[in-house]
Protein backbone atom coordinates (compact mmCIF):
# COMPACT_ATOMS: atom_id res chain seq x y z
CA UNK A 1 -8.82 -47.01 -38.18
CA UNK A 2 -10.65 -46.86 -34.88
CA UNK A 3 -13.01 -49.73 -34.24
CA UNK A 4 -16.17 -49.18 -32.19
CA UNK A 5 -17.30 -51.97 -29.93
CA UNK A 6 -20.36 -52.12 -27.70
CA UNK A 7 -20.08 -54.03 -24.44
CA UNK A 8 -22.04 -54.27 -21.23
CA UNK A 9 -20.05 -53.37 -18.10
CA UNK A 10 -20.98 -54.04 -14.46
CA UNK A 11 -21.09 -50.73 -12.63
CA UNK A 12 -20.05 -52.42 -9.36
CA UNK A 13 -17.04 -54.58 -10.20
CA UNK A 14 -16.22 -53.69 -13.82
CA UNK A 15 -16.97 -57.14 -15.27
CA UNK A 16 -17.60 -57.00 -19.04
CA UNK A 17 -20.10 -59.03 -21.04
CA UNK A 18 -21.04 -59.20 -24.71
CA UNK A 19 -24.75 -59.10 -23.81
CA UNK A 20 -26.90 -57.66 -21.03
CA UNK A 21 -27.24 -59.81 -17.90
CA UNK A 22 -29.67 -59.35 -15.05
CA UNK A 23 -27.16 -60.61 -12.48
CA UNK A 24 -23.41 -60.09 -12.60
CA UNK A 25 -21.63 -63.48 -12.46
CA UNK A 26 -18.56 -61.89 -10.81
CA UNK A 27 -20.05 -59.91 -7.89
CA UNK A 28 -23.68 -61.20 -7.90
CA UNK A 29 -25.11 -57.67 -8.23
CA UNK A 30 -28.54 -57.29 -9.81
CA UNK A 31 -29.32 -54.82 -12.64
CA UNK A 32 -25.77 -53.46 -12.62
CA UNK A 33 -24.90 -53.88 -16.34
CA UNK A 34 -24.83 -50.76 -18.51
CA UNK A 35 -24.11 -50.45 -22.21
CA UNK A 36 -20.90 -48.68 -23.14
CA UNK A 37 -19.11 -48.00 -26.40
CA UNK A 38 -15.40 -48.66 -26.37
CA UNK A 39 -13.09 -47.25 -29.03
CA UNK A 40 -10.01 -49.33 -29.65
CA UNK A 41 -7.08 -48.14 -31.71
CA UNK A 42 -4.98 -50.60 -33.61
CA UNK A 43 -1.37 -50.27 -32.55
CA UNK A 44 1.32 -51.33 -34.97
CA UNK A 45 4.82 -52.41 -34.09
CA UNK A 46 6.29 -49.29 -35.72
CA UNK A 47 4.55 -47.09 -33.13
CA UNK A 48 5.85 -49.03 -30.12
CA UNK A 49 8.96 -47.46 -28.60
CA UNK A 50 10.72 -48.04 -25.31
CA UNK A 51 10.48 -45.17 -22.87
CA UNK A 52 12.83 -46.61 -20.24
CA UNK A 53 16.00 -48.64 -19.99
CA UNK A 54 16.63 -52.06 -18.45
CA UNK A 55 18.93 -51.75 -15.42
CA UNK A 56 20.29 -54.12 -12.79
CA UNK A 57 18.21 -54.03 -9.65
CA UNK A 58 21.30 -54.24 -7.39
CA UNK A 59 22.73 -51.10 -9.01
CA UNK A 60 19.67 -48.93 -8.29
CA UNK A 61 20.59 -46.04 -5.96
CA UNK A 62 18.36 -45.93 -2.85
CA UNK A 63 20.51 -43.59 -0.76
CA UNK A 64 18.21 -40.61 -1.26
CA UNK A 65 15.27 -40.67 1.16
CA UNK A 66 11.73 -39.73 0.13
CA UNK A 67 11.00 -36.10 0.95
CA UNK A 68 7.86 -35.54 3.01
CA UNK A 69 5.66 -32.48 3.32
CA UNK A 70 3.76 -31.96 6.61
CA UNK A 71 -0.01 -31.59 6.32
CA UNK A 72 -0.46 -29.62 9.53
CA UNK A 73 -2.09 -32.65 11.21
CA UNK A 74 0.16 -34.99 13.17
CA UNK A 75 -2.52 -37.70 13.01
CA UNK A 76 -2.70 -37.52 9.21
CA UNK A 77 1.11 -37.45 8.88
CA UNK A 78 1.29 -40.65 10.94
CA UNK A 79 -1.23 -42.40 8.70
CA UNK A 80 0.60 -41.28 5.54
CA UNK A 81 3.94 -42.46 6.90
CA UNK A 82 5.42 -39.06 7.74
CA UNK A 83 3.61 -36.62 5.43
CA UNK A 84 2.70 -36.06 1.80
CA UNK A 85 5.06 -37.34 -0.90
CA UNK A 86 5.38 -34.84 -3.79
CA UNK A 87 3.84 -36.24 -6.96
CA UNK A 88 1.80 -38.89 -5.15
CA UNK A 89 -1.85 -39.74 -5.86
CA UNK A 90 -4.08 -40.23 -2.80
CA UNK A 91 -7.64 -41.58 -2.79
CA UNK A 92 -9.85 -40.53 0.14
CA UNK A 93 -13.17 -42.30 0.67
CA UNK A 94 -15.93 -42.02 3.22
CA UNK A 95 -19.69 -41.80 3.69
CA UNK A 96 -21.54 -38.58 2.82
CA UNK A 97 -21.26 -35.96 5.56
CA UNK A 98 -18.40 -37.73 7.35
CA UNK A 99 -16.05 -34.74 6.91
CA UNK A 100 -13.95 -35.48 3.81
CA UNK A 101 -14.27 -32.03 2.22
CA UNK A 102 -13.75 -30.32 5.60
CA UNK A 103 -10.52 -32.21 6.26
CA UNK A 104 -9.23 -31.60 2.73
CA UNK A 105 -9.93 -27.85 2.93
CA UNK A 106 -8.04 -27.64 6.23
CA UNK A 107 -5.10 -29.45 4.64
CA UNK A 108 -5.11 -26.90 1.80
CA UNK A 109 -4.71 -24.13 4.38
CA UNK A 110 -1.76 -25.81 6.11
CA UNK A 111 0.22 -27.64 3.43
CA UNK A 112 3.27 -26.00 1.86
CA UNK A 113 4.46 -27.84 -1.26
CA UNK A 114 6.78 -26.09 -3.72
CA UNK A 115 5.36 -22.63 -4.38
CA UNK A 116 2.22 -23.64 -2.40
CA UNK A 117 -0.14 -23.09 -5.34
CA UNK A 118 -3.32 -25.11 -4.73
CA UNK A 119 -6.09 -25.95 -7.19
CA UNK A 120 -9.42 -27.16 -5.78
CA UNK A 121 -11.45 -28.85 -8.53
CA UNK A 122 -15.06 -29.62 -7.63
CA UNK A 123 -17.77 -31.13 -9.79
CA UNK A 124 -20.29 -31.19 -6.94
CA UNK A 125 -20.17 -27.85 -5.15
CA UNK A 126 -20.01 -24.27 -6.36
CA UNK A 127 -17.42 -21.67 -5.45
CA UNK A 128 -19.91 -20.04 -3.07
CA UNK A 129 -20.43 -23.29 -1.15
CA UNK A 130 -16.69 -23.86 -0.81
CA UNK A 131 -16.19 -20.24 0.29
CA UNK A 132 -18.89 -20.55 2.97
CA UNK A 133 -17.16 -23.66 4.34
CA UNK A 134 -13.79 -21.89 4.25
CA UNK A 135 -15.23 -18.93 6.19
CA UNK A 136 -16.68 -21.30 8.81
CA UNK A 137 -13.27 -22.93 9.16
CA UNK A 138 -11.57 -19.48 9.26
CA UNK A 139 -9.45 -20.28 6.19
CA UNK A 140 -7.98 -17.26 4.40
CA UNK A 141 -5.31 -18.52 2.01
CA UNK A 142 -4.63 -16.53 -1.14
CA UNK A 143 -2.95 -19.51 -2.84
CA UNK A 144 -6.13 -21.61 -2.95
CA UNK A 145 -7.76 -21.40 -6.40
CA UNK A 146 -11.15 -22.93 -7.18
CA UNK A 147 -12.34 -24.53 -10.42
CA UNK A 148 -15.95 -25.67 -10.69
CA UNK A 149 -15.54 -28.09 -13.58
CA UNK A 150 -16.22 -31.75 -14.25
CA UNK A 151 -14.63 -32.07 -17.72
CA UNK A 152 -11.13 -33.49 -17.40
CA UNK A 153 -9.96 -31.72 -20.59
CA UNK A 154 -10.76 -28.30 -19.05
CA UNK A 155 -9.05 -29.36 -15.82
CA UNK A 156 -5.95 -30.28 -17.79
CA UNK A 157 -5.96 -26.85 -19.45
CA UNK A 158 -6.18 -25.18 -16.02
CA UNK A 159 -3.21 -27.23 -14.82
CA UNK A 160 -1.14 -26.03 -17.77
CA UNK A 161 -1.97 -22.38 -17.04
CA UNK A 162 -1.93 -22.29 -13.25
CA UNK A 163 0.79 -24.95 -12.61
CA UNK A 164 -0.23 -25.87 -9.03
CA UNK A 165 1.81 -27.94 -6.60
CA UNK A 166 -1.23 -29.44 -4.88
CA UNK A 167 -4.58 -30.42 -6.43
CA UNK A 168 -7.90 -31.64 -5.02
CA UNK A 169 -10.48 -33.47 -7.16
CA UNK A 170 -13.92 -33.63 -5.50
CA UNK A 171 -15.13 -36.13 -6.51
CA UNK A 172 -13.80 -38.66 -9.01
CA UNK A 173 -17.33 -39.96 -9.77
CA UNK A 174 -18.43 -36.55 -11.12
CA UNK A 175 -15.53 -36.17 -13.57
CA UNK A 176 -15.89 -37.17 -17.20
CA UNK A 177 -14.02 -37.09 -20.51
CA UNK A 178 -15.71 -36.17 -23.79
CA UNK A 179 -13.59 -38.84 -25.51
CA UNK A 180 -15.35 -41.62 -23.59
CA UNK A 181 -18.95 -42.33 -24.68
CA UNK A 182 -20.24 -43.18 -21.20
CA UNK A 183 -22.03 -41.42 -18.36
CA UNK A 184 -20.04 -39.77 -15.52
CA UNK A 185 -19.48 -42.21 -12.68
CA UNK A 186 -19.50 -45.26 -14.96
CA UNK A 187 -16.74 -47.83 -14.82
CA UNK A 188 -15.06 -46.63 -18.02
CA UNK A 189 -15.15 -42.97 -17.00
CA UNK A 190 -13.80 -43.54 -13.46
CA UNK A 191 -11.04 -45.85 -14.67
CA UNK A 192 -9.83 -43.65 -17.52
CA UNK A 193 -10.18 -40.35 -15.62
CA UNK A 194 -8.07 -41.76 -12.77
CA UNK A 195 -5.44 -42.93 -15.28
CA UNK A 196 -5.27 -39.42 -16.80
CA UNK A 197 -4.99 -37.75 -13.39
CA UNK A 198 -2.28 -40.20 -12.35
CA UNK A 199 -0.31 -39.47 -15.53
CA UNK A 200 -0.62 -35.71 -14.98
CA UNK A 201 0.43 -35.78 -11.33
CA UNK A 202 3.44 -38.00 -12.05
CA UNK A 203 4.66 -35.99 -15.04
CA UNK A 204 4.24 -32.57 -13.44
CA UNK A 205 5.05 -33.60 -9.82
CA UNK A 206 1.63 -32.47 -8.58
CA UNK A 207 0.52 -33.97 -5.28
CA UNK A 208 -3.11 -34.91 -5.87
CA UNK A 209 -5.93 -35.99 -3.57
CA UNK A 210 -9.06 -37.41 -5.18
CA UNK A 211 -12.24 -37.91 -3.15
CA UNK A 212 -14.36 -40.97 -3.87
CA UNK A 213 -17.95 -41.84 -3.03
CA UNK A 214 -18.64 -45.09 -1.19
CA UNK A 215 -21.25 -47.77 -1.80
CA UNK A 216 -23.69 -49.26 0.71
CA UNK A 217 -21.02 -51.81 1.65
CA UNK A 218 -18.63 -49.02 2.63
CA UNK A 219 -16.22 -49.53 -0.30
CA UNK A 220 -15.28 -46.85 -2.82
CA UNK A 221 -17.68 -46.82 -5.75
CA UNK A 222 -16.29 -47.80 -9.13
CA UNK A 223 -14.05 -50.58 -10.39
CA UNK A 224 -11.65 -52.26 -8.00
CA UNK A 225 -8.78 -51.25 -10.25
CA UNK A 226 -9.26 -47.68 -8.96
CA UNK A 227 -7.59 -48.59 -5.66
CA UNK A 228 -4.75 -50.38 -7.47
CA UNK A 229 -3.88 -47.33 -9.59
CA UNK A 230 -3.38 -44.82 -6.77
CA UNK A 231 -0.46 -44.65 -4.34
CA UNK A 232 -2.47 -44.37 -1.11
CA UNK A 233 -6.04 -45.28 -0.17
CA UNK A 234 -7.51 -43.64 2.94
CA UNK A 235 -10.92 -44.21 4.53
CA UNK A 236 -12.55 -41.71 6.88
CA UNK A 237 -14.79 -43.71 9.20
CA UNK A 238 -17.18 -42.88 12.00
CA UNK A 239 -20.78 -42.99 13.10
CA UNK A 240 -23.06 -40.19 11.97
CA UNK A 241 -24.19 -39.45 15.56
CA UNK A 242 -20.68 -39.56 17.06
CA UNK A 243 -18.27 -36.65 16.78
CA UNK A 244 -15.15 -38.83 16.48
CA UNK A 245 -13.68 -39.81 13.12
CA UNK A 246 -11.08 -42.46 12.36
CA UNK A 247 -8.75 -42.06 9.37
CA UNK A 248 -7.53 -45.49 8.28
CA UNK A 249 -5.01 -46.43 5.59
CA UNK A 250 -5.79 -49.58 3.60
CA UNK A 251 -3.03 -49.08 1.03
CA UNK A 252 0.15 -47.02 1.21
CA UNK A 253 3.14 -47.38 -1.10
CA UNK A 254 5.16 -44.99 1.07
CA UNK A 255 4.34 -46.25 4.57
CA UNK A 256 2.55 -48.70 6.80
CA UNK A 257 -1.10 -49.66 6.42
CA UNK A 258 -1.57 -50.37 10.14
CA UNK A 259 -1.72 -46.77 11.34
CA UNK A 260 -4.89 -44.87 12.20
CA UNK A 261 -5.57 -41.23 13.00
CA UNK A 262 -8.29 -40.04 15.37
CA UNK A 263 -10.12 -36.74 14.83
CA UNK A 264 -13.05 -34.97 16.42
CA UNK A 265 -15.55 -33.12 14.27
CA UNK A 266 -16.33 -29.70 15.72
CA UNK A 267 -17.90 -26.51 14.43
CA UNK A 268 -14.43 -25.16 13.65
CA UNK A 269 -13.54 -28.27 11.64
CA UNK A 270 -11.53 -31.41 12.24
CA UNK A 271 -9.48 -31.38 15.45
CA UNK A 272 -6.91 -34.13 16.00
CA UNK A 273 -7.07 -36.17 19.19
CA UNK A 274 -3.62 -36.55 20.75
CA UNK A 275 -4.54 -38.96 23.57
CA UNK A 276 -7.38 -41.25 22.40
CA UNK A 277 -7.01 -43.62 25.38
CA UNK A 278 -7.87 -40.94 27.93
CA UNK A 279 -10.72 -39.74 25.75
CA UNK A 280 -12.33 -43.16 25.22
CA UNK A 281 -12.44 -44.03 28.93
CA UNK A 282 -13.08 -40.57 30.39
CA UNK A 283 -16.86 -41.09 30.77
CA UNK A 284 -16.52 -44.29 32.76
CA UNK A 285 -18.34 -43.74 36.07
CA UNK A 286 -19.02 -46.11 38.95
CA UNK A 287 -18.15 -49.76 38.75
CA UNK A 288 -21.02 -51.64 37.08
CA UNK A 289 -20.86 -55.30 36.16
CA UNK A 290 -19.99 -56.18 32.58
CA UNK A 291 -17.50 -53.35 32.03
CA UNK A 292 -13.74 -53.71 31.47
CA UNK A 293 -10.85 -51.90 29.79
CA UNK A 294 -8.68 -53.56 27.13
CA UNK A 295 -5.46 -52.43 25.45
CA UNK A 296 -5.36 -52.75 21.66
CA UNK A 297 -2.60 -51.96 19.21
CA UNK A 298 -3.29 -49.92 16.07
CA UNK A 299 -0.02 -49.72 14.17
CA UNK A 300 2.49 -48.04 16.49
CA UNK A 301 -0.22 -46.63 18.75
CA UNK A 302 -1.62 -48.27 21.87
CA UNK A 303 -5.19 -47.40 22.83
CA UNK A 304 -7.23 -48.27 25.91
CA UNK A 305 -10.88 -48.94 25.09
CA UNK A 306 -13.85 -49.78 27.27
CA UNK A 307 -15.89 -52.89 26.48
CA UNK A 308 -19.38 -53.36 27.91
CA UNK A 309 -21.35 -56.62 28.00
CA UNK A 310 -24.95 -57.31 28.94
CA UNK A 311 -26.62 -60.68 29.44
CA UNK A 312 -30.37 -61.15 29.92
CA UNK A 313 -32.70 -64.18 29.93
CA UNK A 314 -33.91 -64.86 26.40
CA UNK A 315 -37.59 -64.63 25.57
CA UNK A 316 -37.25 -66.76 22.45
CA UNK A 317 -36.18 -70.32 21.68
CA UNK A 318 -32.85 -69.19 20.25
CA UNK A 319 -30.79 -66.65 22.26
CA UNK A 320 -29.55 -63.51 20.52
CA UNK A 321 -25.88 -62.59 20.16
CA UNK A 322 -25.25 -58.99 19.18
CA UNK A 323 -21.87 -57.29 18.90
CA UNK A 324 -21.36 -53.58 18.11
CA UNK A 325 -17.74 -52.94 17.19
CA UNK A 326 -16.94 -56.65 17.63
CA UNK A 327 -16.99 -59.25 14.88
CA UNK A 328 -20.08 -61.43 15.23
CA UNK A 329 -18.32 -64.76 14.52
CA UNK A 330 -15.63 -63.93 17.06
CA UNK A 331 -18.28 -63.18 19.69
CA UNK A 332 -20.11 -66.46 19.06
CA UNK A 333 -16.80 -68.33 19.32
CA UNK A 334 -16.01 -66.76 22.71
CA UNK A 335 -19.49 -67.54 24.07
CA UNK A 336 -19.18 -71.19 23.02
CA UNK A 337 -15.73 -71.37 24.62
CA UNK A 338 -17.09 -69.98 27.91
CA UNK A 339 -19.86 -72.60 27.90
CA UNK A 340 -17.45 -75.46 27.30
CA UNK A 341 -14.27 -74.49 29.16
CA UNK A 342 -15.49 -72.21 31.97
CA UNK A 343 -18.91 -73.76 32.72
CA UNK A 344 -20.69 -70.40 32.26
CA UNK A 345 -24.30 -71.11 31.27
CA UNK A 346 -25.18 -68.78 28.39
CA UNK A 347 -27.41 -71.00 26.24
CA UNK A 348 -30.53 -69.40 27.73
CA UNK A 349 -29.12 -65.86 27.81
CA UNK A 350 -29.13 -63.05 25.24
CA UNK A 351 -25.61 -61.61 25.01
CA UNK A 352 -24.91 -58.05 23.89
CA UNK A 353 -21.38 -56.62 23.57
CA UNK A 354 -20.58 -52.99 22.78
CA UNK A 355 -17.29 -51.18 22.17
CA UNK A 356 -17.62 -47.70 23.67
CA UNK A 357 -16.90 -44.71 21.45
CA UNK A 358 -17.90 -46.24 18.12
CA UNK A 359 -14.57 -48.04 17.72
CA UNK A 360 -14.22 -51.33 15.85
CA UNK A 361 -11.99 -54.03 17.31
CA UNK A 362 -10.32 -56.41 14.88
CA UNK A 363 -7.34 -57.36 17.02
CA UNK A 364 -7.69 -60.68 18.93
CA UNK A 365 -5.91 -59.24 22.00
CA UNK A 366 -9.34 -58.00 23.18
CA UNK A 367 -10.66 -61.59 23.54
CA UNK A 368 -9.81 -61.86 27.23
CA UNK A 369 -11.54 -58.57 28.04
CA UNK A 370 -14.67 -59.52 26.09
CA UNK A 371 -14.89 -62.90 27.81
CA UNK A 372 -14.42 -61.42 31.31
CA UNK A 373 -17.04 -58.73 30.63
CA UNK A 374 -19.58 -61.38 29.59
CA UNK A 375 -18.88 -63.47 32.69
CA UNK A 376 -19.11 -60.36 34.90
CA UNK A 377 -22.52 -59.45 33.49
CA UNK A 378 -23.79 -63.05 33.66
CA UNK A 379 -22.86 -63.42 37.34
CA UNK A 380 -23.72 -59.76 38.10
CA UNK A 381 -20.33 -59.33 39.79
CA UNK A 382 -18.39 -56.16 38.90
CA UNK A 383 -14.74 -56.35 37.91
CA UNK A 384 -12.15 -54.18 39.70
CA UNK A 385 -12.27 -50.68 38.24
CA UNK A 386 -8.47 -50.40 38.05
CA UNK A 387 -8.16 -53.70 36.12
CA UNK A 388 -7.09 -54.06 32.51
CA UNK A 389 -7.09 -57.33 30.52
CA UNK A 390 -4.85 -58.26 27.57
CA UNK A 391 -4.82 -61.60 25.78
CA UNK A 392 -6.06 -63.73 22.90
CA UNK A 393 -8.19 -66.78 23.68
CA UNK A 394 -8.02 -70.06 21.76
CA UNK A 395 -10.76 -72.63 21.23
CA UNK A 396 -9.40 -74.79 24.04
CA UNK A 397 -9.64 -71.91 26.51
CA UNK A 398 -5.94 -71.09 26.64
CA UNK A 399 -4.84 -67.45 26.84
CA UNK A 400 -2.33 -66.89 24.06
CA UNK A 401 0.49 -64.36 23.81
CA UNK A 402 0.07 -60.98 22.08
CA UNK A 403 2.58 -58.59 20.52
CA UNK A 404 3.88 -55.30 21.97
CA UNK A 405 2.99 -56.32 25.53
CA UNK A 406 5.40 -53.81 27.06
CA UNK A 407 3.84 -50.83 25.26
CA UNK A 408 0.37 -51.90 26.37
CA UNK A 409 1.40 -52.23 30.02
CA UNK A 410 3.11 -48.81 29.98
CA UNK A 411 -0.01 -47.17 28.53
CA UNK A 412 -2.16 -48.78 31.24
CA UNK A 413 0.13 -47.58 34.01
CA UNK A 414 0.27 -44.07 32.54
CA UNK A 415 -3.51 -43.77 32.83
CA UNK A 416 -3.58 -44.94 36.44
CA UNK A 417 -4.48 -48.65 36.23
CA UNK A 418 -3.17 -50.77 39.11
CA UNK A 419 -3.62 -54.35 37.87
CA UNK A 420 -2.97 -55.87 34.47
CA UNK A 421 -3.84 -59.43 33.45
CA UNK A 422 -1.61 -60.74 30.67
CA UNK A 423 -0.97 -64.16 29.08
CA UNK A 424 1.57 -66.41 30.78
CA UNK A 425 3.51 -66.69 27.50
CA UNK A 426 3.89 -62.90 27.34
CA UNK A 427 5.42 -62.69 30.82
CA UNK A 428 8.82 -63.66 29.44
CA UNK A 429 8.72 -60.83 26.89
CA UNK A 430 7.86 -58.22 29.52
CA UNK A 431 11.00 -56.56 30.88
CA UNK A 432 9.28 -53.44 32.18
CA UNK A 433 9.26 -53.12 35.98
CA UNK A 434 6.81 -50.40 36.94
CA UNK A 435 4.34 -49.77 39.72
CA UNK A 436 1.55 -51.79 38.11
CA UNK A 437 0.65 -55.27 39.40
CA UNK A 438 1.18 -57.85 36.65
CA UNK A 439 -0.86 -61.07 36.86
CA UNK A 440 -0.19 -63.77 34.27
CA UNK A 441 -2.77 -66.45 33.43
CA UNK A 442 -2.63 -69.48 31.17
CA UNK A 443 -6.34 -70.17 30.56
CA UNK A 444 -9.74 -68.54 30.85
CA UNK A 445 -10.76 -70.44 34.01
CA UNK A 446 -7.67 -69.10 35.80
CA UNK A 447 -8.42 -65.56 34.61
CA UNK A 448 -12.02 -65.76 35.90
CA UNK A 449 -10.82 -67.00 39.29
CA UNK A 450 -8.13 -64.31 39.48
CA UNK A 451 -10.75 -61.57 38.95
CA UNK A 452 -12.87 -62.95 41.79
CA UNK A 453 -15.80 -63.86 39.56
CA UNK A 454 -15.95 -67.46 40.87
């Protein structure tokens, strides 16, 4: 006999409660509990059977490599670890209007998996809307079939009849099952629908991409278990008023999670950017104070990014510290270090730091560049235009070593930089002898003196 149970589930984190609560004790969200009916079946021991065998781990054959299918985008293949894995389940998230559906439709036109049959399932847009987007992107692929349905049972029937090799679900929050007494987009619906899709794509070897909405915090809406169930989680990031988009992997069972892909949104769709370093510093004109180039590492890719700093006398009792693309706590730490270890008076100055191009810097190797840009703006002395700075800064003012120093120096020389400041500890790791002038420093005071700021 099936037993009905009524529970209250948090629509943000999936926490369950026997009664309604105004505030979720797990995620501290207000008014997020919704009533749901859960049907539980009693399972007896006679119905439990083993579907797999116990084997020795050392005897498992790993000689066969995972086959990859190119997507038509080198940037996306890099993020995925070499291409699509047949039978994998990929979750793509991003803000509304960021370009998720555009990128997916372009992939449908390029990908060739099995017999290349593609099923595009949409619970948000009609066939006419998808066709208008396809015409704008100049996509004319006879193998792309469209299904405007949000009931997972009907989608399963279409899979049995059409037998596609590649499927798109846009979006997971609009799908529902008639067996679950809850509204579409609720925790129970999203969790169970994802489990059904995962079971279908694994059994029938269908490579599936599901698109997910994001919350105000930038995370994918629904329970956190959603990201644990899929094989790969991708985020498409970017500012609404910038044309550049960053595709970032936060989970990948078939590759690294450190890779990023850079795209540019144009009228003809997503266009991959092959040389982001040259693009991000191409608009740099003149030689103003407070501007410097840093070399950061994103997975296997080295990128040169411009950092700008501005200091101005504060009009309030407490000076402002604002960082765009830079972590606020990291910025405050660097300002305090400059006050203490470099005798740069900033307690009466507002400090603003901006990463050009809408990029976000999480790597500490940009510390030296940020600190030098702040000092340059404070003293109103420009840094050499052909200078690049690499290094992490500690609380005592020392410049610490960074990884992949040789790749960073080569990228700087390739784009025409003449001088590179690196940590003293990284000098031993650098075996590259090029035409670029390498200056090694051990602390921030030495770096400021080397740049001619004091």
